[in-house]
Amino acid sequence: MRTITIEEARTELPQVLDEVEAGAEVIIARGEKPIARLVRIADLPDRRRSKVGELRGAPFQIPDAAFAPLTDNELKEWGL
């Protein structure tokens, strides 16, 4: 992993991007303090947000007990 300054990043950006595209990680620092890390996008996890109404993972299953009639005691608790 190579560390470069902001000035080096400005002047050498095409070469730095070639390195990153080849699989290297490059840290950009302001003075001695690292502030950013450049990595290939293909190496990042999928962070795509779900669309409204789109299910991710297994769909929710409603148990059959949810459709069972309420008992007399449950009806009384609900004020029915």
C-alpha atoms as a PDB file:
ATOM      1  CA  MET A   1       0.000   0.000   0.000  1.00  0.00           C
ATOM      2  CA  ARG A   2       1.476   3.288  -1.127  1.00  0.00           C
ATOM      3  CA  THR A   3       0.927   6.617   0.664  1.00  0.00           C
ATOM      4  CA  ILE A   4       1.049   9.868  -1.285  1.00  0.00           C
ATOM      5  CA  THR A   5       0.401  13.509  -0.459  1.00  0.00           C
ATOM      6  CA  ILE A   6      -2.414  15.590  -1.886  1.00  0.00           C
ATOM      7  CA  GLU A   7       0.076  17.412  -4.142  1.00  0.00           C
ATOM      8  CA  GLU A   8       1.397  14.111  -5.496  1.00  0.00           C
ATOM      9  CA  ALA A   9      -2.176  12.976  -6.118  1.00  0.00           C
ATOM     10  CA  ARG A  10      -2.859  16.158  -8.108  1.00  0.00           C
ATOM     11  CA  THR A  11       0.215  15.881 -10.293  1.00  0.00           C
ATOM     12  CA  GLU A  12       0.285  12.087 -10.711  1.00  0.00           C
ATOM     13  CA  LEU A  13      -3.425  11.266 -10.839  1.00  0.00           C
ATOM     14  CA  PRO A  14      -3.374   9.267 -14.108  1.00  0.00           C
ATOM     15  CA  GLN A  15      -0.478   7.102 -12.867  1.00  0.00           C
ATOM     16  CA  VAL A  16      -2.103   6.652  -9.455  1.00  0.00           C
ATOM     17  CA  LEU A  17      -5.369   5.576 -11.085  1.00  0.00           C
ATOM     18  CA  ASP A  18      -3.454   3.067 -13.240  1.00  0.00           C
ATOM     19  CA  GLU A  19      -1.986   1.564 -10.055  1.00  0.00           C
ATOM     20  CA  VAL A  20      -5.412   1.406  -8.412  1.00  0.00           C
ATOM     21  CA  GLU A  21      -6.927  -0.163 -11.512  1.00  0.00           C
ATOM     22  CA  ALA A  22      -4.203  -2.830 -11.373  1.00  0.00           C
ATOM     23  CA  GLY A  23      -5.311  -3.719  -7.836  1.00  0.00           C
ATOM     24  CA  ALA A  24      -3.121  -1.528  -5.607  1.00  0.00           C
ATOM     25  CA  GLU A  25      -4.487   0.529  -2.726  1.00  0.00           C
ATOM     26  CA  VAL A  26      -3.258   4.104  -2.447  1.00  0.00           C
ATOM     27  CA  ILE A  27      -3.591   6.258   0.667  1.00  0.00           C
ATOM     28  CA  ILE A  28      -3.795  10.036   0.215  1.00  0.00           C
ATOM     29  CA  ALA A  29      -2.478  12.018   3.162  1.00  0.00           C
ATOM     30  CA  ARG A  30      -2.564  15.642   4.213  1.00  0.00           C
ATOM     31  CA  GLY A  31       0.876  15.977   5.724  1.00  0.00           C
ATOM     32  CA  GLU A  32       1.279  12.937   7.979  1.00  0.00           C
ATOM     33  CA  LYS A  33      -2.460  12.337   8.454  1.00  0.00           C
ATOM     34  CA  PRO A  34      -4.147   9.844   6.059  1.00  0.00           C
ATOM     35  CA  ILE A  35      -7.456  11.235   4.766  1.00  0.00           C
ATOM     36  CA  ALA A  36      -8.542   8.942   1.911  1.00  0.00           C
ATOM     37  CA  ARG A  37      -7.999   5.481   0.493  1.00  0.00           C
ATOM     38  CA  LEU A  38      -8.292   4.727  -3.218  1.00  0.00           C
ATOM     39  CA  VAL A  39      -9.348   1.200  -4.175  1.00  0.00           C
ATOM     40  CA  ARG A  40     -10.806  -0.373  -7.308  1.00  0.00           C
ATOM     41  CA  ILE A  41     -14.572  -0.121  -7.433  1.00  0.00           C
ATOM     42  CA  ALA A  42     -14.805  -3.780  -8.435  1.00  0.00           C
ATOM     43  CA  ASP A  43     -13.273  -4.652  -5.050  1.00  0.00           C
ATOM     44  CA  LEU A  44     -15.957  -2.831  -3.050  1.00  0.00           C
ATOM     45  CA  PRO A  45     -19.009  -4.689  -1.736  1.00  0.00           C
ATOM     46  CA  ASP A  46     -22.367  -4.120  -3.435  1.00  0.00           C
ATOM     47  CA  ARG A  47     -23.981  -1.235  -1.602  1.00  0.00           C
ATOM     48  CA  ARG A  48     -26.951  -0.828  -3.903  1.00  0.00           C
ATOM     49  CA  ARG A  49     -30.012   0.381  -2.059  1.00  0.00           C
ATOM     50  CA  SER A  50     -33.275  -1.483  -2.445  1.00  0.00           C
ATOM     51  CA  LYS A  51     -35.992   0.117  -4.507  1.00  0.00           C
ATOM     52  CA  VAL A  52     -39.256   0.887  -2.753  1.00  0.00           C
ATOM     53  CA  GLY A  53     -41.167  -2.372  -2.386  1.00  0.00           C
ATOM     54  CA  GLU A  54     -38.221  -4.558  -3.424  1.00  0.00           C
ATOM     55  CA  LEU A  55     -37.478  -7.485  -1.149  1.00  0.00           C
ATOM     56  CA  ARG A  56     -33.910  -8.415  -0.304  1.00  0.00           C
ATOM     57  CA  GLY A  57     -33.340 -11.868   1.054  1.00  0.00           C
ATOM     58  CA  ALA A  58     -36.061 -14.374   1.856  1.00  0.00           C
ATOM     59  CA  PRO A  59     -39.624 -13.033   1.700  1.00  0.00           C
ATOM     60  CA  PHE A  60     -41.545 -12.740   4.941  1.00  0.00           C
ATOM     61  CA  GLN A  61     -43.932 -15.635   5.555  1.00  0.00           C
ATOM     62  CA  ILE A  62     -47.157 -15.016   7.450  1.00  0.00           C
ATOM     63  CA  PRO A  63     -47.891 -17.990   9.724  1.00  0.00           C
ATOM     64  CA  ASP A  64     -51.263 -19.714   9.382  1.00  0.00           C
ATOM     65  CA  ALA A  65     -51.962 -18.925  13.039  1.00  0.00           C
ATOM     66  CA  ALA A  66     -52.281 -15.250  12.057  1.00  0.00           C
ATOM     67  CA  PHE A  67     -55.527 -16.077  10.223  1.00  0.00           C
ATOM     68  CA  ALA A  68     -57.013 -18.185  13.015  1.00  0.00           C
ATOM     69  CA  PRO A  69     -60.156 -16.728  14.609  1.00  0.00           C
ATOM     70  CA  LEU A  70     -59.721 -14.927  17.903  1.00  0.00           C
ATOM     71  CA  THR A  71     -60.792 -16.681  21.069  1.00  0.00           C
ATOM     72  CA  ASP A  72     -63.614 -15.263  23.185  1.00  0.00           C
ATOM     73  CA  ASN A  73     -61.048 -14.020  25.706  1.00  0.00           C
ATOM     74  CA  GLU A  74     -59.045 -12.246  22.970  1.00  0.00           C
ATOM     75  CA  LEU A  75     -62.202 -10.666  21.586  1.00  0.00           C
ATOM     76  CA  LYS A  76     -63.052  -9.387  25.069  1.00  0.00           C
ATOM     77  CA  GLU A  77     -59.527  -7.916  25.460  1.00  0.00           C
ATOM     78  CA  TRP A  78     -60.005  -6.055  22.174  1.00  0.00           C
ATOM     79  CA  GLY A  79     -63.383  -4.773  23.358  1.00  0.00           C
ATOM     80  CA  LEU A  80     -65.300  -6.702  20.707  1.00  0.00           C
END
